[in-house]
Protein backbone atom coordinates (compact mmCIF):
# COMPACT_ATOMS: atom_id res chain seq x y z
CA MET A 1 -45.64 -42.25 7.81
CA TYR A 2 -45.06 -41.90 4.06
CA LYS A 3 -45.93 -38.18 4.27
CA ILE A 4 -43.38 -37.60 7.05
CA PHE A 5 -40.72 -39.52 5.08
CA VAL A 6 -41.30 -37.44 1.91
CA SER A 7 -41.31 -34.24 3.94
CA SER A 8 -38.03 -35.21 5.59
CA ILE A 9 -36.41 -35.92 2.23
CA THR A 10 -37.71 -32.63 0.83
CA VAL A 11 -36.40 -30.64 3.79
CA ALA A 12 -33.03 -32.40 3.62
CA GLY A 13 -32.78 -31.70 -0.11
CA VAL A 14 -33.60 -28.02 0.35
CA LEU A 15 -31.01 -27.72 3.12
CA ILE A 16 -28.30 -29.33 0.98
CA ILE A 17 -29.06 -27.17 -2.05
CA THR A 18 -29.41 -23.98 0.00
CA SER A 19 -26.23 -24.56 1.98
CA SER A 20 -24.21 -24.88 -1.23
CA PHE A 21 -25.20 -21.32 -2.16
CA PHE A 22 -24.08 -19.92 1.17
CA GLN A 23 -20.81 -21.77 1.66
CA LYS A 24 -17.91 -19.40 2.03
CA TYR A 25 -15.36 -19.67 -0.75
CA ASP A 26 -11.92 -20.43 0.68
CA LEU A 27 -9.89 -17.50 -0.64
CA ALA A 28 -6.66 -18.61 1.05
CA LYS A 29 -6.70 -22.01 -0.67
CA SER A 30 -7.63 -20.39 -3.97
CA ILE A 31 -4.64 -18.05 -3.67
CA GLU A 32 -2.33 -21.02 -3.00
CA ARG A 33 -3.61 -22.83 -6.10
CA GLY A 34 -3.44 -19.57 -8.05
CA LYS A 35 0.27 -19.17 -7.35
CA GLU A 36 0.87 -22.55 -9.01
CA ALA A 37 -1.28 -21.62 -12.02
CA TYR A 38 0.46 -18.24 -12.28
CA THR A 39 3.86 -19.93 -12.32
CA LEU A 40 2.79 -22.25 -15.14
CA TYR A 41 0.77 -19.91 -17.35
CA CYS A 42 1.47 -16.25 -16.56
CA MET A 43 4.97 -15.83 -15.17
CA SER A 44 6.79 -15.92 -18.50
CA CYS A 45 5.26 -12.52 -19.42
CA HIS A 46 4.41 -10.94 -16.07
CA MET A 47 7.59 -12.23 -14.37
CA VAL A 48 8.16 -13.94 -11.03
CA ASP A 49 7.76 -10.68 -9.10
CA GLY A 50 4.67 -9.53 -11.02
CA ASN A 51 6.49 -6.48 -12.40
CA GLY A 52 5.95 -7.48 -16.03
CA THR A 53 8.35 -6.58 -18.80
CA PRO A 54 8.83 -2.80 -19.02
CA GLY A 55 7.24 -1.36 -22.14
CA VAL A 56 5.93 -4.75 -23.24
CA PHE A 57 3.90 -6.64 -20.63
CA PRO A 58 2.18 -4.68 -17.87
CA PRO A 59 2.90 -5.17 -14.20
CA LEU A 60 0.49 -6.99 -11.94
CA ALA A 61 2.38 -5.82 -8.85
CA LYS A 62 0.64 -2.83 -7.26
CA SER A 63 -1.51 -2.69 -10.38
CA ASP A 64 -4.37 -0.23 -10.67
CA TYR A 65 -5.66 -2.37 -13.55
CA LEU A 66 -6.54 -5.19 -11.14
CA LYS A 67 -9.02 -2.84 -9.44
CA LYS A 68 -11.22 -2.93 -12.54
CA PRO A 69 -14.53 -4.85 -12.38
CA VAL A 70 -13.93 -8.56 -11.96
CA ASN A 71 -15.98 -9.40 -15.07
CA LEU A 72 -13.50 -7.41 -17.18
CA LEU A 73 -10.56 -9.24 -15.64
CA ILE A 74 -12.16 -12.65 -16.16
CA THR A 75 -12.97 -11.79 -19.78
CA ALA A 76 -9.38 -10.63 -20.39
CA VAL A 77 -8.08 -14.01 -19.22
CA LEU A 78 -10.73 -16.03 -21.07
CA GLU A 79 -10.65 -14.14 -24.38
CA GLY A 80 -7.23 -12.52 -24.31
CA GLN A 81 -6.59 -8.87 -24.81
CA ASP A 82 -5.14 -6.69 -27.52
CA GLY A 83 -4.96 -2.98 -28.12
CA GLU A 84 -3.80 -0.28 -25.79
CA ILE A 85 -4.33 -0.47 -22.07
CA ILE A 86 -3.03 1.84 -19.37
CA VAL A 87 -1.59 0.32 -16.22
CA ASN A 88 -0.24 2.54 -13.47
CA GLY A 89 -0.08 5.45 -15.90
CA THR A 90 1.92 3.61 -18.59
CA THR A 91 0.47 2.56 -21.95
CA TYR A 92 0.93 -1.04 -23.08
CA ASN A 93 -0.02 -2.49 -26.44
CA ALA A 94 1.02 -6.13 -26.43
CA LEU A 95 -1.18 -9.10 -27.24
CA MET A 96 -2.25 -11.29 -24.34
CA PRO A 97 -3.49 -14.58 -25.80
CA ALA A 98 -6.71 -16.17 -24.60
CA GLN A 99 -6.21 -18.52 -21.68
CA ASN A 100 -9.58 -20.26 -22.19
CA TYR A 101 -7.95 -23.68 -21.99
CA LEU A 102 -7.65 -23.13 -18.23
CA THR A 103 -10.46 -24.45 -16.06
CA ASP A 104 -12.91 -22.11 -14.36
CA GLU A 105 -11.21 -22.88 -11.06
CA GLN A 106 -7.71 -22.14 -12.44
CA ILE A 107 -8.82 -18.77 -13.79
CA ALA A 108 -10.53 -17.84 -10.53
CA ASP A 109 -7.48 -18.99 -8.58
CA VAL A 110 -4.93 -17.09 -10.65
CA LEU A 111 -7.01 -13.92 -10.43
CA ASN A 112 -7.31 -14.35 -6.67
CA TYR A 113 -3.55 -14.81 -6.46
CA VAL A 114 -2.56 -11.76 -8.51
CA ARG A 115 -5.20 -9.61 -6.79
CA ASN A 116 -3.68 -10.51 -3.41
CA ASP A 117 0.08 -10.50 -3.90
CA TRP A 118 2.80 -7.92 -4.67
CA GLY A 119 1.04 -5.11 -2.83
CA ASN A 120 -2.44 -5.89 -4.17
CA LYS A 121 -5.24 -6.65 -1.72
CA ASN A 122 -8.75 -7.71 -2.61
CA THR A 123 -10.60 -9.85 -0.09
CA ILE A 124 -13.59 -10.46 -2.35
CA ALA A 125 -12.89 -13.77 -4.05
CA VAL A 126 -13.34 -14.49 -7.73
CA THR A 127 -15.20 -17.80 -7.94
CA PRO A 128 -15.28 -20.51 -10.60
CA THR A 129 -19.01 -19.83 -10.98
CA GLN A 130 -18.27 -16.24 -12.02
CA VAL A 131 -15.84 -17.53 -14.65
CA LYS A 132 -18.30 -20.15 -15.90
CA VAL A 133 -20.98 -17.49 -16.45
CA LEU A 134 -18.64 -15.47 -18.69
CA ARG A 135 -17.17 -18.40 -20.61
CA LYS A 136 -18.52 -18.49 -24.19
């Protein structure tokens, strides 16, 4: 009896742990939350329509930059960015301050939002776990 009880607990524990690795991340809800985070933390530079400020802050709308590897995008949000970058063929050289005060979920959400609005489409979600791994 004890052996069956322990086995049942072990199997249940394995199922719970395993299922958490295979749960589908809800991209739609992340995008909704990301719009709120964008409004609070990003819109003042990248504007309400994602078109940025010409010659100063790059556009996120229809942005080829958002097609870069997700680790690069996460790092840019976490650590900030300075120096020249090229977005849609235009060079920008403004400082983007680190946004590392945002939670892992907020960073994932805002990246999911900007990668799926204003003509951008990326159905592979950025997850809080990916952000956590890159946070220093």
